[in-house]
Structures are given as C-alpha cells and as structure tokens.
Amino acid sequence: MASGEKEGETAPSAEHQAPSTFTVVDCGCGKAYLTISLYFYLTEVLKFPNVKVIGIDRRSDVIAAAKKMAAQLDVADKVEFVEADLESLDSLESLGVGAVSMVVSLHACDTATDEALAKGVEWKARYILSAPCCQHELQKGLGNVRMSECSN
C-alpha cells in the first residue's frame, strides 16, 4: 500500500494523474510574439492541459520586454524567458526542465538555426520546427550581384 492510501484504496492510475508537461523551447525568440502566441494556441485552441514555453534570446532588451509582456498577459508562470546564447546552454537543467517536447526556431539569424537544430536533437525533442533565416549569409555571398545576373 502506498503512503497516504487508506486500506482498500488503490493508487490512482496514470490516466488520473496530472499529465506531463508539454515543454516548448523557442530558440532565438526575439520579441516573443510567436512564443506567447504558441502558448495560447496550445492551451486555448488545442486544449493542452499542461504547457510550459521557454523563450531564449541573447539580447537583454528583448528578454526584458518579453518578460514584461508575459506578466501583462498573466502567463509569466508558464511562459518564461532566458537570456543566453544557445551554445552556452549545456543541459536541460540549466533551463529548469527535465525534457523538451518541441524546439521552435523561426528566422533565427545566421548560425542560430543550426544551433537550435543541434539543441533539439541533443535534447531529444519529439518535434522540431524550423524556418531558417538565410538573408545575412546569402547577402554576404551575393555581394552586389543583381537579380538579372542570377537568371543567366
């Protein structure tokens, strides 16, 4: 008999226990519009019961603004923000979580998309959503090439 159970009672089945947390990490979250929208989509539209979203960005100003927005929307306990470079995060424990369900990286600049993909694999995320931002690398490679020169 488990601690706290009365004689004749059984432990609650897994389906009656609190569901595990669906944790999303938004790598390179920027101003966090997607980060916070994703939280509301998962909880209000899809009705996920237990969601935590963590936005990561290296810029202190956008992290401060994102934290303020989360507080104004009364979701600061479920939508958190961390100021860090992705490559400096050595473990999930540094984010305060044991597992990540989804890694999102939309338009993270330069090599941040690569770093986000690597973290998603390292953290064994079940889902990885990524839309790379190639404009900076592409601009460096193209220089002053005109579009008309590309069609030849």
N, C-alpha and C. Protein backbone atom coordinates (compact mmCIF):
# COMPACT_ATOMS: atom_id res chain seq x y z
N MET A 1 0.85 -1.18 0.00
CA MET A 1 0.00 0.00 0.00
C MET A 1 0.89 1.23 0.00
N ALA A 2 0.57 2.19 -0.85
CA ALA A 2 1.36 3.40 -0.96
C ALA A 2 1.12 4.31 0.23
N SER A 3 2.09 5.14 0.52
CA SER A 3 1.99 6.08 1.62
C SER A 3 0.78 7.00 1.42
N GLY A 4 -0.02 7.20 2.44
CA GLY A 4 -1.18 8.08 2.36
C GLY A 4 -2.45 7.38 1.88
N GLU A 5 -2.35 6.13 1.43
CA GLU A 5 -3.54 5.40 0.98
C GLU A 5 -4.24 4.78 2.18
N LYS A 6 -5.53 4.71 2.09
CA LYS A 6 -6.32 4.02 3.11
C LYS A 6 -6.49 2.59 2.65
N GLU A 7 -6.72 1.71 3.61
CA GLU A 7 -6.91 0.31 3.28
C GLU A 7 -8.11 0.18 2.34
N GLY A 8 -7.92 -0.63 1.31
CA GLY A 8 -8.97 -0.84 0.32
C GLY A 8 -8.90 0.11 -0.86
N GLU A 9 -8.08 1.17 -0.76
CA GLU A 9 -7.91 2.10 -1.88
C GLU A 9 -6.71 1.67 -2.71
N THR A 10 -6.75 2.01 -3.96
CA THR A 10 -5.61 1.75 -4.83
C THR A 10 -5.04 3.07 -5.30
N ALA A 11 -3.79 3.03 -5.71
CA ALA A 11 -3.16 4.24 -6.23
C ALA A 11 -3.86 4.68 -7.50
N PRO A 12 -3.96 5.97 -7.75
CA PRO A 12 -4.60 6.43 -8.99
C PRO A 12 -3.86 5.90 -10.20
N SER A 13 -4.62 5.58 -11.24
CA SER A 13 -3.99 5.11 -12.46
C SER A 13 -3.32 6.28 -13.17
N ALA A 14 -2.48 5.97 -14.14
CA ALA A 14 -1.75 7.01 -14.87
C ALA A 14 -2.70 8.01 -15.51
N GLU A 15 -3.87 7.54 -15.97
CA GLU A 15 -4.79 8.45 -16.63
C GLU A 15 -5.45 9.43 -15.66
N HIS A 16 -5.39 9.14 -14.36
CA HIS A 16 -5.96 10.05 -13.37
C HIS A 16 -4.90 10.93 -12.73
N GLN A 17 -3.64 10.70 -13.03
CA GLN A 17 -2.57 11.54 -12.51
C GLN A 17 -2.43 12.77 -13.40
N ALA A 18 -1.78 13.78 -12.85
CA ALA A 18 -1.55 15.00 -13.63
C ALA A 18 -0.76 14.66 -14.89
N PRO A 19 -1.20 15.16 -16.02
CA PRO A 19 -0.48 14.87 -17.27
C PRO A 19 0.90 15.51 -17.24
N SER A 20 1.81 14.95 -18.00
CA SER A 20 3.15 15.52 -18.05
C SER A 20 3.09 16.86 -18.79
N THR A 21 4.07 17.66 -18.54
CA THR A 21 4.13 19.00 -19.14
C THR A 21 4.65 18.92 -20.57
N PHE A 22 3.97 19.59 -21.48
CA PHE A 22 4.41 19.74 -22.85
C PHE A 22 5.28 20.99 -22.86
N THR A 23 6.59 20.80 -22.96
CA THR A 23 7.53 21.91 -22.88
C THR A 23 8.04 22.29 -24.25
N VAL A 24 7.93 23.57 -24.56
CA VAL A 24 8.39 24.12 -25.84
C VAL A 24 9.53 25.09 -25.56
N VAL A 25 10.60 24.99 -26.33
CA VAL A 25 11.70 25.94 -26.23
C VAL A 25 11.78 26.68 -27.57
N ASP A 26 11.63 27.99 -27.50
CA ASP A 26 11.73 28.86 -28.67
C ASP A 26 13.13 29.45 -28.70
N CYS A 27 13.95 28.95 -29.61
CA CYS A 27 15.35 29.36 -29.71
C CYS A 27 15.47 30.60 -30.58
N GLY A 28 15.98 31.67 -30.01
CA GLY A 28 16.07 32.93 -30.75
C GLY A 28 14.71 33.58 -30.80
N CYS A 29 14.07 33.70 -29.64
CA CYS A 29 12.66 34.12 -29.59
C CYS A 29 12.41 35.57 -29.97
N GLY A 30 13.45 36.41 -29.98
CA GLY A 30 13.24 37.81 -30.34
C GLY A 30 12.20 38.47 -29.45
N LYS A 31 11.29 39.19 -30.04
CA LYS A 31 10.28 39.93 -29.27
C LYS A 31 9.20 39.04 -28.66
N ALA A 32 9.24 37.76 -28.96
CA ALA A 32 8.41 36.74 -28.31
C ALA A 32 6.94 36.73 -28.73
N TYR A 33 6.61 37.35 -29.84
CA TYR A 33 5.23 37.29 -30.30
C TYR A 33 4.84 35.84 -30.60
N LEU A 34 5.71 35.13 -31.28
CA LEU A 34 5.44 33.72 -31.57
C LEU A 34 5.43 32.89 -30.29
N THR A 35 6.36 33.15 -29.40
CA THR A 35 6.48 32.39 -28.15
C THR A 35 5.18 32.42 -27.37
N ILE A 36 4.67 33.60 -27.16
CA ILE A 36 3.45 33.76 -26.37
C ILE A 36 2.23 33.28 -27.15
N SER A 37 2.19 33.56 -28.44
CA SER A 37 1.07 33.07 -29.27
C SER A 37 1.02 31.54 -29.26
N LEU A 38 2.18 30.91 -29.32
CA LEU A 38 2.23 29.46 -29.30
C LEU A 38 1.68 28.91 -27.99
N TYR A 39 2.00 29.56 -26.88
CA TYR A 39 1.44 29.13 -25.59
C TYR A 39 -0.09 29.17 -25.63
N PHE A 40 -0.64 30.29 -26.09
CA PHE A 40 -2.10 30.41 -26.14
C PHE A 40 -2.72 29.44 -27.14
N TYR A 41 -2.06 29.20 -28.25
CA TYR A 41 -2.58 28.24 -29.22
C TYR A 41 -2.65 26.84 -28.61
N LEU A 42 -1.59 26.44 -27.95
CA LEU A 42 -1.56 25.10 -27.35
C LEU A 42 -2.57 24.95 -26.23
N THR A 43 -2.73 25.99 -25.41
CA THR A 43 -3.63 25.88 -24.25
C THR A 43 -5.08 26.22 -24.56
N GLU A 44 -5.31 27.22 -25.40
CA GLU A 44 -6.69 27.65 -25.65
C GLU A 44 -7.34 26.98 -26.85
N VAL A 45 -6.59 26.74 -27.90
CA VAL A 45 -7.16 26.14 -29.11
C VAL A 45 -7.06 24.61 -29.05
N LEU A 46 -5.85 24.10 -28.81
CA LEU A 46 -5.67 22.65 -28.77
C LEU A 46 -6.01 22.05 -27.41
N LYS A 47 -6.18 22.90 -26.40
CA LYS A 47 -6.59 22.48 -25.05
C LYS A 47 -5.57 21.56 -24.36
N PHE A 48 -4.28 21.76 -24.65
CA PHE A 48 -3.25 21.03 -23.91
C PHE A 48 -3.36 21.46 -22.45
N PRO A 49 -3.42 20.52 -21.52
CA PRO A 49 -3.65 20.88 -20.12
C PRO A 49 -2.44 21.43 -19.38
N ASN A 50 -1.25 21.10 -19.80
CA ASN A 50 -0.07 21.44 -19.02
C ASN A 50 1.06 21.85 -19.97
N VAL A 51 1.21 23.15 -20.19
CA VAL A 51 2.18 23.66 -21.17
C VAL A 51 3.13 24.63 -20.50
N LYS A 52 4.39 24.50 -20.84
CA LYS A 52 5.41 25.46 -20.43
C LYS A 52 6.19 25.85 -21.68
N VAL A 53 6.37 27.15 -21.89
CA VAL A 53 7.12 27.63 -23.04
C VAL A 53 8.27 28.48 -22.52
N ILE A 54 9.45 28.22 -23.07
CA ILE A 54 10.65 28.95 -22.67
C ILE A 54 11.23 29.62 -23.92
N GLY A 55 11.34 30.93 -23.88
CA GLY A 55 11.96 31.68 -24.96
C GLY A 55 13.40 31.99 -24.61
N ILE A 56 14.29 31.77 -25.55
CA ILE A 56 15.72 32.03 -25.34
C ILE A 56 16.18 33.05 -26.37
N ASP A 57 16.88 34.05 -25.91
CA ASP A 57 17.49 35.02 -26.81
C ASP A 57 18.70 35.61 -26.11
N ARG A 58 19.66 36.04 -26.89
CA ARG A 58 20.89 36.58 -26.31
C ARG A 58 20.81 38.06 -25.99
N ARG A 59 19.76 38.74 -26.46
CA ARG A 59 19.63 40.18 -26.27
C ARG A 59 18.83 40.49 -25.00
N SER A 60 19.46 41.19 -24.08
CA SER A 60 18.81 41.50 -22.80
C SER A 60 17.59 42.39 -22.97
N ASP A 61 17.61 43.31 -23.94
CA ASP A 61 16.48 44.21 -24.12
C ASP A 61 15.23 43.46 -24.58
N VAL A 62 15.37 42.50 -25.48
CA VAL A 62 14.18 41.77 -25.93
C VAL A 62 13.69 40.80 -24.85
N ILE A 63 14.59 40.26 -24.07
CA ILE A 63 14.18 39.37 -22.97
C ILE A 63 13.41 40.17 -21.92
N ALA A 64 13.89 41.36 -21.59
CA ALA A 64 13.18 42.21 -20.63
C ALA A 64 11.78 42.56 -21.14
N ALA A 65 11.67 42.92 -22.41
CA ALA A 65 10.36 43.26 -23.00
C ALA A 65 9.45 42.04 -23.04
N ALA A 66 10.01 40.87 -23.35
CA ALA A 66 9.21 39.64 -23.40
C ALA A 66 8.68 39.27 -22.02
N LYS A 67 9.52 39.40 -21.01
CA LYS A 67 9.08 39.12 -19.64
C LYS A 67 7.96 40.05 -19.22
N LYS A 68 8.09 41.31 -19.60
CA LYS A 68 7.05 42.30 -19.27
C LYS A 68 5.73 41.94 -19.95
N MET A 69 5.81 41.55 -21.23
CA MET A 69 4.59 41.18 -21.96
C MET A 69 3.94 39.95 -21.34
N ALA A 70 4.74 38.94 -20.97
CA ALA A 70 4.19 37.73 -20.34
C ALA A 70 3.50 38.07 -19.02
N ALA A 71 4.11 38.98 -18.25
CA ALA A 71 3.50 39.40 -16.99
C ALA A 71 2.18 40.14 -17.23
N GLN A 72 2.15 41.01 -18.24
CA GLN A 72 0.92 41.76 -18.56
C GLN A 72 -0.19 40.82 -19.00
N LEU A 73 0.17 39.71 -19.64
CA LEU A 73 -0.82 38.74 -20.10
C LEU A 73 -1.11 37.66 -19.05
N ASP A 74 -0.51 37.81 -17.89
CA ASP A 74 -0.71 36.90 -16.76
C ASP A 74 -0.31 35.45 -17.08
N VAL A 75 0.78 35.28 -17.82
CA VAL A 75 1.27 33.94 -18.14
C VAL A 75 2.75 33.77 -17.77
N ALA A 76 3.28 34.69 -16.97
CA ALA A 76 4.71 34.65 -16.64
C ALA A 76 5.11 33.37 -15.91
N ASP A 77 4.17 32.69 -15.28
CA ASP A 77 4.49 31.43 -14.60
C ASP A 77 4.58 30.26 -15.58
N LYS A 78 4.03 30.41 -16.77
CA LYS A 78 4.03 29.34 -17.77
C LYS A 78 4.86 29.67 -19.02
N VAL A 79 5.14 30.95 -19.22
CA VAL A 79 5.96 31.39 -20.35
C VAL A 79 7.14 32.15 -19.77
N GLU A 80 8.30 31.53 -19.85
CA GLU A 80 9.49 32.10 -19.23
C GLU A 80 10.50 32.49 -20.31
N PHE A 81 11.41 33.37 -19.93
CA PHE A 81 12.42 33.83 -20.88
C PHE A 81 13.80 33.79 -20.25
N VAL A 82 14.75 33.36 -21.07
CA VAL A 82 16.13 33.20 -20.61
C VAL A 82 17.05 33.97 -21.55
N GLU A 83 17.90 34.80 -20.97
CA GLU A 83 18.91 35.49 -21.76
C GLU A 83 20.14 34.59 -21.83
N ALA A 84 20.42 34.09 -23.03
CA ALA A 84 21.57 33.18 -23.20
C ALA A 84 21.85 32.96 -24.67
N ASP A 85 23.09 32.59 -24.96
CA ASP A 85 23.45 32.06 -26.27
C ASP A 85 23.11 30.58 -26.24
N LEU A 86 22.54 30.07 -27.30
CA LEU A 86 22.16 28.65 -27.33
C LEU A 86 23.35 27.74 -27.04
N GLU A 87 24.48 28.07 -27.62
CA GLU A 87 25.64 27.20 -27.45
C GLU A 87 26.13 27.15 -26.00
N SER A 88 25.78 28.14 -25.19
CA SER A 88 26.21 28.16 -23.79
C SER A 88 25.32 27.31 -22.89
N LEU A 89 24.17 26.89 -23.39
CA LEU A 89 23.28 26.04 -22.58
C LEU A 89 23.81 24.61 -22.62
N ASP A 90 24.36 24.18 -21.51
CA ASP A 90 24.99 22.87 -21.50
C ASP A 90 24.06 21.72 -21.14
N SER A 91 22.89 22.03 -20.59
CA SER A 91 21.96 20.95 -20.23
C SER A 91 20.54 21.50 -20.09
N LEU A 92 19.59 20.59 -20.07
CA LEU A 92 18.20 20.99 -19.85
C LEU A 92 18.01 21.54 -18.45
N GLU A 93 18.81 21.05 -17.53
CA GLU A 93 18.70 21.52 -16.15
C GLU A 93 18.96 23.03 -16.07
N SER A 94 19.80 23.55 -16.97
CA SER A 94 20.07 24.99 -16.97
C SER A 94 18.81 25.78 -17.34
N LEU A 95 17.84 25.11 -17.96
CA LEU A 95 16.54 25.73 -18.27
C LEU A 95 15.49 25.41 -17.21
N GLY A 96 15.85 24.53 -16.27
CA GLY A 96 14.91 24.16 -15.22
C GLY A 96 13.87 23.14 -15.66
N VAL A 97 14.18 22.36 -16.70
CA VAL A 97 13.25 21.32 -17.16
C VAL A 97 13.99 19.99 -17.31
N GLY A 98 13.23 18.92 -17.28
CA GLY A 98 13.82 17.60 -17.44
C GLY A 98 13.74 17.09 -18.87
N ALA A 99 12.78 17.60 -19.62
CA ALA A 99 12.58 17.14 -21.00
C ALA A 99 11.97 18.27 -21.82
N VAL A 100 12.23 18.22 -23.13
CA VAL A 100 11.66 19.20 -24.06
C VAL A 100 10.83 18.44 -25.09
N SER A 101 9.60 18.86 -25.27
CA SER A 101 8.70 18.23 -26.25
C SER A 101 8.91 18.80 -27.65
N MET A 102 9.14 20.11 -27.72
CA MET A 102 9.25 20.78 -29.02
C MET A 102 10.29 21.89 -28.97
N VAL A 103 11.08 21.98 -30.02
CA VAL A 103 12.00 23.10 -30.21
C VAL A 103 11.53 23.86 -31.44
N VAL A 104 11.42 25.17 -31.28
CA VAL A 104 10.98 26.05 -32.36
C VAL A 104 12.11 27.04 -32.65
N SER A 105 12.38 27.24 -33.92
CA SER A 105 13.38 28.23 -34.31
C SER A 105 12.93 28.83 -35.64
N LEU A 106 12.30 29.98 -35.55
CA LEU A 106 11.80 30.62 -36.76
C LEU A 106 12.58 31.89 -37.03
N HIS A 107 13.30 31.89 -38.11
CA HIS A 107 14.07 33.03 -38.58
C HIS A 107 15.16 33.47 -37.60
N ALA A 108 15.75 32.52 -36.89
CA ALA A 108 16.90 32.84 -36.05
C ALA A 108 18.07 33.15 -36.98
N CYS A 109 18.74 34.24 -36.72
CA CYS A 109 19.76 34.73 -37.66
C CYS A 109 21.04 33.91 -37.68
N ASP A 110 21.66 33.95 -38.84
CA ASP A 110 22.97 33.34 -39.10
C ASP A 110 22.99 31.88 -38.64
N THR A 111 23.91 31.54 -37.74
CA THR A 111 24.07 30.13 -37.33
C THR A 111 23.14 29.72 -36.19
N ALA A 112 22.30 30.63 -35.70
CA ALA A 112 21.39 30.29 -34.60
C ALA A 112 20.43 29.17 -34.97
N THR A 113 20.03 29.10 -36.23
CA THR A 113 19.16 28.00 -36.67
C THR A 113 19.89 26.67 -36.53
N ASP A 114 21.15 26.63 -36.95
CA ASP A 114 21.94 25.41 -36.81
C ASP A 114 22.07 25.00 -35.35
N GLU A 115 22.32 25.98 -34.49
CA GLU A 115 22.45 25.71 -33.07
C GLU A 115 21.13 25.20 -32.49
N ALA A 116 20.02 25.78 -32.93
CA ALA A 116 18.71 25.33 -32.45
C ALA A 116 18.42 23.90 -32.88
N LEU A 117 18.73 23.58 -34.13
CA LEU A 117 18.54 22.21 -34.60
C LEU A 117 19.40 21.23 -33.79
N ALA A 118 20.64 21.61 -33.54
CA ALA A 118 21.53 20.76 -32.75
C ALA A 118 21.00 20.56 -31.34
N LYS A 119 20.49 21.63 -30.72
CA LYS A 119 19.93 21.51 -29.36
C LYS A 119 18.68 20.63 -29.38
N GLY A 120 17.84 20.78 -30.39
CA GLY A 120 16.65 19.94 -30.49
C GLY A 120 16.99 18.46 -30.54
N VAL A 121 18.01 18.14 -31.30
CA VAL A 121 18.47 16.74 -31.39
C VAL A 121 19.09 16.31 -30.06
N GLU A 122 19.98 17.15 -29.52
CA GLU A 122 20.64 16.84 -28.25
C GLU A 122 19.63 16.62 -27.13
N TRP A 123 18.60 17.48 -27.09
CA TRP A 123 17.59 17.39 -26.04
C TRP A 123 16.52 16.33 -26.33
N LYS A 124 16.65 15.65 -27.47
CA LYS A 124 15.71 14.60 -27.87
C LYS A 124 14.26 15.11 -27.94
N ALA A 125 14.11 16.32 -28.49
CA ALA A 125 12.78 16.89 -28.66
C ALA A 125 11.99 16.03 -29.64
N ARG A 126 10.75 15.79 -29.32
CA ARG A 126 9.90 14.99 -30.21
C ARG A 126 9.59 15.74 -31.50
N TYR A 127 9.46 17.05 -31.39
CA TYR A 127 9.14 17.89 -32.55
C TYR A 127 10.17 19.00 -32.67
N ILE A 128 10.60 19.28 -33.89
CA ILE A 128 11.49 20.40 -34.16
C ILE A 128 10.90 21.16 -35.35
N LEU A 129 10.55 22.42 -35.12
CA LEU A 129 10.01 23.27 -36.18
C LEU A 129 11.03 24.37 -36.45
N SER A 130 11.46 24.48 -37.70
CA SER A 130 12.49 25.46 -38.01
C SER A 130 12.27 26.06 -39.39
N ALA A 131 12.39 27.37 -39.45
CA ALA A 131 12.42 28.08 -40.72
C ALA A 131 13.64 28.98 -40.66
N PRO A 132 14.70 28.59 -41.31
CA PRO A 132 15.96 29.33 -41.17
C PRO A 132 15.90 30.72 -41.80
N CYS A 133 16.70 31.58 -41.25
CA CYS A 133 16.87 32.92 -41.79
C CYS A 133 18.21 32.93 -42.50
N CYS A 134 18.19 32.95 -43.81
CA CYS A 134 19.44 32.88 -44.55
C CYS A 134 19.85 34.23 -45.12
N GLN A 135 19.08 35.25 -44.88
CA GLN A 135 19.34 36.51 -45.57
C GLN A 135 20.73 37.08 -45.30
N HIS A 136 21.23 36.98 -44.07
CA HIS A 136 22.54 37.55 -43.78
C HIS A 136 23.65 36.78 -44.48
N GLU A 137 23.59 35.46 -44.41
CA GLU A 137 24.61 34.65 -45.08
C GLU A 137 24.49 34.79 -46.59
N LEU A 138 23.26 34.84 -47.09
CA LEU A 138 23.04 34.98 -48.52
C LEU A 138 23.57 36.32 -49.03
N GLN A 139 23.31 37.38 -48.26
CA GLN A 139 23.78 38.70 -48.67
C GLN A 139 25.31 38.75 -48.73
N LYS A 140 25.97 38.12 -47.78
CA LYS A 140 27.43 38.09 -47.79
C LYS A 140 27.94 37.38 -49.04
N GLY A 141 27.27 36.29 -49.41
CA GLY A 141 27.70 35.50 -50.56
C GLY A 141 27.41 36.17 -51.88
N LEU A 142 26.34 36.93 -51.95
CA LEU A 142 25.95 37.55 -53.21
C LEU A 142 26.64 38.89 -53.44
N GLY A 143 26.94 39.58 -52.36
CA GLY A 143 27.54 40.91 -52.53
C GLY A 143 26.60 41.82 -53.28
N ASN A 144 27.07 42.40 -54.36
CA ASN A 144 26.26 43.34 -55.15
C ASN A 144 25.72 42.71 -56.43
N VAL A 145 25.53 41.43 -56.44
CA VAL A 145 25.01 40.76 -57.63
C VAL A 145 23.57 41.20 -57.87
N ARG A 146 23.26 41.54 -59.08
CA ARG A 146 21.89 41.94 -59.43
C ARG A 146 21.09 40.68 -59.76
N MET A 147 19.80 40.75 -59.50
CA MET A 147 18.92 39.60 -59.78
C MET A 147 18.98 39.21 -61.26
N SER A 148 19.11 40.20 -62.14
CA SER A 148 19.16 39.89 -63.58
C SER A 148 20.39 39.03 -63.93
N GLU A 149 21.46 39.17 -63.15
CA GLU A 149 22.66 38.37 -63.37
C GLU A 149 22.45 36.93 -62.94
N CYS A 150 21.52 36.70 -62.01
CA CYS A 150 21.26 35.34 -61.50
C CYS A 150 20.46 34.49 -62.48
N SER A 151 19.74 35.12 -63.40
CA SER A 151 18.87 34.36 -64.29
C SER A 151 19.62 33.79 -65.49
N ASN A 152 20.86 34.13 -65.66
CA ASN A 152 21.63 33.63 -66.81
C ASN A 152 22.19 32.27 -66.55
